[in-house]
Amino acid sequence: MESFASFSGAGEAFQKELQHMMYGFGDEPNPLPETVALVEDIVVEYVTNLVQDETIRNREIHFVTGESY
């Protein structure tokens, strides 16, 4: 699957937040940039898939046909 991190447009600001979150969950105070980039890719992909799945689910739930009336 392609990387969505470059699509997010958040850049280093988002990576800094991830570093703080990773440290809060027990990682090193200054994790490797490659590790932060990987976690960013995973998070962006997860959120993107979550939103897409819910969008599809909501369309299916709210789809109204002419036979409904």
PDB file of N, CA and C in Angstrom:
ATOM      1  N   MET A   1       0.849  -1.180   0.000  1.00  0.00           N
ATOM      2  CA  MET A   1       0.000   0.000   0.000  1.00  0.00           C
ATOM      3  C   MET A   1       0.891   1.239   0.000  1.00  0.00           C
ATOM      4  N   GLU A   2       0.468   2.271  -0.678  1.00  0.00           N
ATOM      5  CA  GLU A   2       1.275   3.473  -0.765  1.00  0.00           C
ATOM      6  C   GLU A   2       1.312   4.221   0.560  1.00  0.00           C
ATOM      7  N   SER A   3       2.326   5.052   0.714  1.00  0.00           N
ATOM      8  CA  SER A   3       2.472   5.828   1.939  1.00  0.00           C
ATOM      9  C   SER A   3       1.563   7.051   1.881  1.00  0.00           C
ATOM     10  N   PHE A   4       0.816   7.275   2.960  1.00  0.00           N
ATOM     11  CA  PHE A   4      -0.078   8.421   3.028  1.00  0.00           C
ATOM     12  C   PHE A   4       0.527   9.564   3.833  1.00  0.00           C
ATOM     13  N   ALA A   5       1.728   9.361   4.396  1.00  0.00           N
ATOM     14  CA  ALA A   5       2.331  10.381   5.246  1.00  0.00           C
ATOM     15  C   ALA A   5       2.580  11.672   4.479  1.00  0.00           C
ATOM     16  N   SER A   6       3.035  11.563   3.233  1.00  0.00           N
ATOM     17  CA  SER A   6       3.280  12.765   2.455  1.00  0.00           C
ATOM     18  C   SER A   6       1.961  13.452   2.097  1.00  0.00           C
ATOM     19  N   PHE A   7       0.878  12.679   2.013  1.00  0.00           N
ATOM     20  CA  PHE A   7      -0.437  13.226   1.711  1.00  0.00           C
ATOM     21  C   PHE A   7      -0.983  14.035   2.871  1.00  0.00           C
ATOM     22  N   SER A   8      -0.593  13.669   4.099  1.00  0.00           N
ATOM     23  CA  SER A   8      -1.161  14.325   5.275  1.00  0.00           C
ATOM     24  C   SER A   8      -0.818  15.803   5.332  1.00  0.00           C
ATOM     25  N   GLY A   9       0.370  16.180   4.827  1.00  0.00           N
ATOM     26  CA  GLY A   9       0.756  17.574   4.809  1.00  0.00           C
ATOM     27  C   GLY A   9       1.146  18.135   6.160  1.00  0.00           C
ATOM     28  N   ALA A  10       1.115  17.323   7.207  1.00  0.00           N
ATOM     29  CA  ALA A  10       1.423  17.814   8.544  1.00  0.00           C
ATOM     30  C   ALA A  10       2.921  17.917   8.778  1.00  0.00           C
ATOM     31  N   GLY A  11       3.697  17.082   8.125  1.00  0.00           N
ATOM     32  CA  GLY A  11       5.148  17.164   8.215  1.00  0.00           C
ATOM     33  C   GLY A  11       5.697  16.961   9.600  1.00  0.00           C
ATOM     34  N   GLU A  12       6.693  17.769   9.956  1.00  0.00           N
ATOM     35  CA  GLU A  12       7.410  17.588  11.213  1.00  0.00           C
ATOM     36  C   GLU A  12       6.562  17.874  12.445  1.00  0.00           C
ATOM     37  N   ALA A  13       5.570  18.711  12.336  1.00  0.00           N
ATOM     38  CA  ALA A  13       4.724  19.009  13.500  1.00  0.00           C
ATOM     39  C   ALA A  13       4.015  17.748  13.973  1.00  0.00           C
ATOM     40  N   PHE A  14       3.521  16.962  13.040  1.00  0.00           N
ATOM     41  CA  PHE A  14       2.849  15.717  13.386  1.00  0.00           C
ATOM     42  C   PHE A  14       3.849  14.708  13.925  1.00  0.00           C
ATOM     43  N   GLN A  15       5.047  14.680  13.351  1.00  0.00           N
ATOM     44  CA  GLN A  15       6.079  13.756  13.816  1.00  0.00           C
ATOM     45  C   GLN A  15       6.504  14.091  15.234  1.00  0.00           C
ATOM     46  N   LYS A  16       6.564  15.359  15.572  1.00  0.00           N
ATOM     47  CA  LYS A  16       6.930  15.759  16.934  1.00  0.00           C
ATOM     48  C   LYS A  16       5.878  15.269  17.924  1.00  0.00           C
ATOM     49  N   GLU A  17       4.612  15.399  17.568  1.00  0.00           N
ATOM     50  CA  GLU A  17       3.540  14.901  18.428  1.00  0.00           C
ATOM     51  C   GLU A  17       3.636  13.390  18.596  1.00  0.00           C
ATOM     52  N   LEU A  18       3.938  12.688  17.511  1.00  0.00           N
ATOM     53  CA  LEU A  18       4.101  11.238  17.605  1.00  0.00           C
ATOM     54  C   LEU A  18       5.267  10.870  18.516  1.00  0.00           C
ATOM     55  N   GLN A  19       6.362  11.623  18.447  1.00  0.00           N
ATOM     56  CA  GLN A  19       7.501  11.362  19.331  1.00  0.00           C
ATOM     57  C   GLN A  19       7.073  11.462  20.790  1.00  0.00           C
ATOM     58  N   HIS A  20       6.299  12.479  21.113  1.00  0.00           N
ATOM     59  CA  HIS A  20       5.824  12.654  22.489  1.00  0.00           C
ATOM     60  C   HIS A  20       4.897  11.507  22.890  1.00  0.00           C
ATOM     61  N   MET A  21       4.012  11.116  21.990  1.00  0.00           N
ATOM     62  CA  MET A  21       3.107  10.005  22.283  1.00  0.00           C
ATOM     63  C   MET A  21       3.881   8.705  22.468  1.00  0.00           C
ATOM     64  N   MET A  22       4.865   8.469  21.603  1.00  0.00           N
ATOM     65  CA  MET A  22       5.668   7.249  21.705  1.00  0.00           C
ATOM     66  C   MET A  22       6.425   7.214  23.026  1.00  0.00           C
ATOM     67  N   TYR A  23       6.958   8.351  23.433  1.00  0.00           N
ATOM     68  CA  TYR A  23       7.667   8.423  24.713  1.00  0.00           C
ATOM     69  C   TYR A  23       6.700   8.150  25.865  1.00  0.00           C
ATOM     70  N   GLY A  24       5.507   8.694  25.768  1.00  0.00           N
ATOM     71  CA  GLY A  24       4.498   8.468  26.800  1.00  0.00           C
ATOM     72  C   GLY A  24       4.100   7.008  26.934  1.00  0.00           C
ATOM     73  N   PHE A  25       4.234   6.262  25.843  1.00  0.00           N
ATOM     74  CA  PHE A  25       3.909   4.837  25.874  1.00  0.00           C
ATOM     75  C   PHE A  25       5.139   3.964  26.071  1.00  0.00           C
ATOM     76  N   GLY A  26       6.264   4.571  26.492  1.00  0.00           N
ATOM     77  CA  GLY A  26       7.420   3.782  26.896  1.00  0.00           C
ATOM     78  C   GLY A  26       8.586   3.738  25.939  1.00  0.00           C
ATOM     79  N   ASP A  27       8.546   4.477  24.853  1.00  0.00           N
ATOM     80  CA  ASP A  27       9.670   4.494  23.925  1.00  0.00           C
ATOM     81  C   ASP A  27      10.750   5.440  24.444  1.00  0.00           C
ATOM     82  N   GLU A  28      11.825   5.535  23.711  1.00  0.00           N
ATOM     83  CA  GLU A  28      12.925   6.435  24.052  1.00  0.00           C
ATOM     84  C   GLU A  28      12.459   7.891  23.954  1.00  0.00           C
ATOM     85  N   PRO A  29      13.125   8.798  24.700  1.00  0.00           N
ATOM     86  CA  PRO A  29      12.760  10.221  24.596  1.00  0.00           C
ATOM     87  C   PRO A  29      12.946  10.771  23.178  1.00  0.00           C
ATOM     88  N   ASN A  30      13.939  10.275  22.472  1.00  0.00           N
ATOM     89  CA  ASN A  30      14.200  10.713  21.097  1.00  0.00           C
ATOM     90  C   ASN A  30      14.285   9.488  20.186  1.00  0.00           C
ATOM     91  N   PRO A  31      13.142   8.963  19.744  1.00  0.00           N
ATOM     92  CA  PRO A  31      13.166   7.778  18.884  1.00  0.00           C
ATOM     93  C   PRO A  31      13.785   8.093  17.522  1.00  0.00           C
ATOM     94  N   LEU A  32      14.216   7.055  16.845  1.00  0.00           N
ATOM     95  CA  LEU A  32      14.801   7.231  15.517  1.00  0.00           C
ATOM     96  C   LEU A  32      13.793   7.867  14.564  1.00  0.00           C
ATOM     97  N   PRO A  33      14.255   8.772  13.702  1.00  0.00           N
ATOM     98  CA  PRO A  33      13.344   9.395  12.730  1.00  0.00           C
ATOM     99  C   PRO A  33      12.638   8.363  11.843  1.00  0.00           C
ATOM    100  N   GLU A  34      13.340   7.274  11.519  1.00  0.00           N
ATOM    101  CA  GLU A  34      12.735   6.229  10.699  1.00  0.00           C
ATOM    102  C   GLU A  34      11.564   5.569  11.426  1.00  0.00           C
ATOM    103  N   THR A  35      11.717   5.396  12.738  1.00  0.00           N
ATOM    104  CA  THR A  35      10.651   4.791  13.536  1.00  0.00           C
ATOM    105  C   THR A  35       9.435   5.708  13.588  1.00  0.00           C
ATOM    106  N   VAL A  36       9.686   6.993  13.792  1.00  0.00           N
ATOM    107  CA  VAL A  36       8.587   7.963  13.843  1.00  0.00           C
ATOM    108  C   VAL A  36       7.881   8.024  12.489  1.00  0.00           C
ATOM    109  N   ALA A  37       8.645   8.002  11.404  1.00  0.00           N
ATOM    110  CA  ALA A  37       8.046   8.029  10.068  1.00  0.00           C
ATOM    111  C   ALA A  37       7.196   6.787   9.828  1.00  0.00           C
ATOM    112  N   LEU A  38       7.666   5.630  10.294  1.00  0.00           N
ATOM    113  CA  LEU A  38       6.896   4.396  10.144  1.00  0.00           C
ATOM    114  C   LEU A  38       5.592   4.461  10.935  1.00  0.00           C
ATOM    115  N   VAL A  39       5.674   4.927  12.175  1.00  0.00           N
ATOM    116  CA  VAL A  39       4.464   5.057  12.998  1.00  0.00           C
ATOM    117  C   VAL A  39       3.505   6.054  12.354  1.00  0.00           C
ATOM    118  N   GLU A  40       4.027   7.133  11.801  1.00  0.00           N
ATOM    119  CA  GLU A  40       3.181   8.113  11.120  1.00  0.00           C
ATOM    120  C   GLU A  40       2.465   7.468   9.936  1.00  0.00           C
ATOM    121  N   ASP A  41       3.195   6.692   9.142  1.00  0.00           N
ATOM    122  CA  ASP A  41       2.573   5.996   8.010  1.00  0.00           C
ATOM    123  C   ASP A  41       1.450   5.080   8.480  1.00  0.00           C
ATOM    124  N   ILE A  42       1.713   4.349   9.560  1.00  0.00           N
ATOM    125  CA  ILE A  42       0.719   3.413  10.090  1.00  0.00           C
ATOM    126  C   ILE A  42      -0.520   4.157  10.580  1.00  0.00           C
ATOM    127  N   VAL A  43      -0.319   5.244  11.314  1.00  0.00           N
ATOM    128  CA  VAL A  43      -1.445   6.012  11.863  1.00  0.00           C
ATOM    129  C   VAL A  43      -2.269   6.644  10.745  1.00  0.00           C
ATOM    130  N   VAL A  44      -1.604   7.253   9.774  1.00  0.00           N
ATOM    131  CA  VAL A  44      -2.325   7.901   8.678  1.00  0.00           C
ATOM    132  C   VAL A  44      -3.092   6.863   7.865  1.00  0.00           C
ATOM    133  N   GLU A  45      -2.469   5.713   7.608  1.00  0.00           N
ATOM    134  CA  GLU A  45      -3.157   4.654   6.869  1.00  0.00           C
ATOM    135  C   GLU A  45      -4.362   4.141   7.652  1.00  0.00           C
ATOM    136  N   TYR A  46      -4.209   3.955   8.954  1.00  0.00           N
ATOM    137  CA  TYR A  46      -5.304   3.467   9.797  1.00  0.00           C
ATOM    138  C   TYR A  46      -6.484   4.444   9.795  1.00  0.00           C
ATOM    139  N   VAL A  47      -6.192   5.714  10.006  1.00  0.00           N
ATOM    140  CA  VAL A  47      -7.263   6.716  10.062  1.00  0.00           C
ATOM    141  C   VAL A  47      -7.932   6.850   8.695  1.00  0.00           C
ATOM    142  N   THR A  48      -7.139   6.824   7.628  1.00  0.00           N
ATOM    143  CA  THR A  48      -7.698   6.906   6.281  1.00  0.00           C
ATOM    144  C   THR A  48      -8.638   5.741   6.011  1.00  0.00           C
ATOM    145  N   ASN A  49      -8.199   4.527   6.343  1.00  0.00           N
ATOM    146  CA  ASN A  49      -9.047   3.347   6.142  1.00  0.00           C
ATOM    147  C   ASN A  49     -10.292   3.398   7.012  1.00  0.00           C
ATOM    148  N   LEU A  50     -10.154   3.866   8.237  1.00  0.00           N
ATOM    149  CA  LEU A  50     -11.292   3.976   9.141  1.00  0.00           C
ATOM    150  C   LEU A  50     -12.351   4.919   8.574  1.00  0.00           C
ATOM    151  N   VAL A  51     -11.914   6.074   8.098  1.00  0.00           N
ATOM    152  CA  VAL A  51     -12.847   7.056   7.536  1.00  0.00           C
ATOM    153  C   VAL A  51     -13.498   6.508   6.264  1.00  0.00           C
ATOM    154  N   GLN A  52     -12.699   5.866   5.407  1.00  0.00           N
ATOM    155  CA  GLN A  52     -13.262   5.297   4.182  1.00  0.00           C
ATOM    156  C   GLN A  52     -14.284   4.209   4.497  1.00  0.00           C
ATOM    157  N   ASP A  53     -13.964   3.319   5.432  1.00  0.00           N
ATOM    158  CA  ASP A  53     -14.889   2.249   5.798  1.00  0.00           C
ATOM    159  C   ASP A  53     -16.190   2.802   6.364  1.00  0.00           C
ATOM    160  N   GLU A  54     -16.096   3.797   7.227  1.00  0.00           N
ATOM    161  CA  GLU A  54     -17.303   4.380   7.820  1.00  0.00           C
ATOM    162  C   GLU A  54     -18.114   5.151   6.788  1.00  0.00           C
ATOM    163  N   THR A  55     -17.442   5.776   5.838  1.00  0.00           N
ATOM    164  CA  THR A  55     -18.151   6.477   4.770  1.00  0.00           C
ATOM    165  C   THR A  55     -18.961   5.489   3.945  1.00  0.00           C
ATOM    166  N   ILE A  56     -18.339   4.371   3.604  1.00  0.00           N
ATOM    167  CA  ILE A  56     -19.046   3.334   2.843  1.00  0.00           C
ATOM    168  C   ILE A  56     -20.204   2.777   3.658  1.00  0.00           C
ATOM    169  N   ARG A  57     -19.967   2.498   4.933  1.00  0.00           N
ATOM    170  CA  ARG A  57     -21.020   1.951   5.793  1.00  0.00           C
ATOM    171  C   ARG A  57     -22.193   2.921   5.906  1.00  0.00           C
ATOM    172  N   ASN A  58     -21.898   4.202   6.068  1.00  0.00           N
ATOM    173  CA  ASN A  58     -22.977   5.192   6.180  1.00  0.00           C
ATOM    174  C   ASN A  58     -23.755   5.334   4.881  1.00  0.00           C
ATOM    175  N   ARG A  59     -23.076   5.217   3.756  1.00  0.00           N
ATOM    176  CA  ARG A  59     -23.785   5.276   2.474  1.00  0.00           C
ATOM    177  C   ARG A  59     -24.738   4.099   2.343  1.00  0.00           C
ATOM    178  N   GLU A  60     -24.296   2.923   2.789  1.00  0.00           N
ATOM    179  CA  GLU A  60     -25.147   1.736   2.704  1.00  0.00           C
ATOM    180  C   GLU A  60     -26.347   1.859   3.629  1.00  0.00           C
ATOM    181  N   ILE A  61     -26.141   2.408   4.808  1.00  0.00           N
ATOM    182  CA  ILE A  61     -27.224   2.551   5.779  1.00  0.00           C
ATOM    183  C   ILE A  61     -28.247   3.581   5.313  1.00  0.00           C
ATOM    184  N   HIS A  62     -27.778   4.687   4.761  1.00  0.00           N
ATOM    185  CA  HIS A  62     -28.662   5.797   4.416  1.00  0.00           C
ATOM    186  C   HIS A  62     -29.109   5.781   2.955  1.00  0.00           C
ATOM    187  N   PHE A  63     -28.761   4.719   2.244  1.00  0.00           N
ATOM    188  CA  PHE A  63     -29.172   4.630   0.848  1.00  0.00           C
ATOM    189  C   PHE A  63     -30.671   4.370   0.787  1.00  0.00           C
ATOM    190  N   VAL A  64     -31.380   5.233   0.095  1.00  0.00           N
ATOM    191  CA  VAL A  64     -32.834   5.120  -0.011  1.00  0.00           C
ATOM    192  C   VAL A  64     -33.176   4.852  -1.472  1.00  0.00           C
ATOM    193  N   THR A  65     -33.968   3.830  -1.698  1.00  0.00           N
ATOM    194  CA  THR A  65     -34.399   3.531  -3.065  1.00  0.00           C
ATOM    195  C   THR A  65     -35.823   4.024  -3.261  1.00  0.00           C
ATOM    196  N   GLY A  66     -36.255   4.025  -4.480  1.00  0.00           N
ATOM    197  CA  GLY A  66     -37.620   4.424  -4.783  1.00  0.00           C
ATOM    198  C   GLY A  66     -38.639   3.481  -4.178  1.00  0.00           C
ATOM    199  N   GLU A  67     -38.224   2.245  -3.905  1.00  0.00           N
ATOM    200  CA  GLU A  67     -39.125   1.260  -3.328  1.00  0.00           C
ATOM    201  C   GLU A  67     -39.369   1.505  -1.845  1.00  0.00           C
ATOM    202  N   SER A  68     -38.614   2.392  -1.246  1.00  0.00           N
ATOM    203  CA  SER A  68     -38.756   2.651   0.185  1.00  0.00           C
ATOM    204  C   SER A  68     -40.017   3.437   0.503  1.00  0.00           C
ATOM    205  N   TYR A  69     -40.601   4.070  -0.516  1.00  0.00           N
ATOM    206  CA  TYR A  69     -41.767   4.911  -0.261  1.00  0.00           C
ATOM    207  C   TYR A  69     -43.013   4.270  -0.744  1.00  0.00           C
TER     208      TYR A  69
END
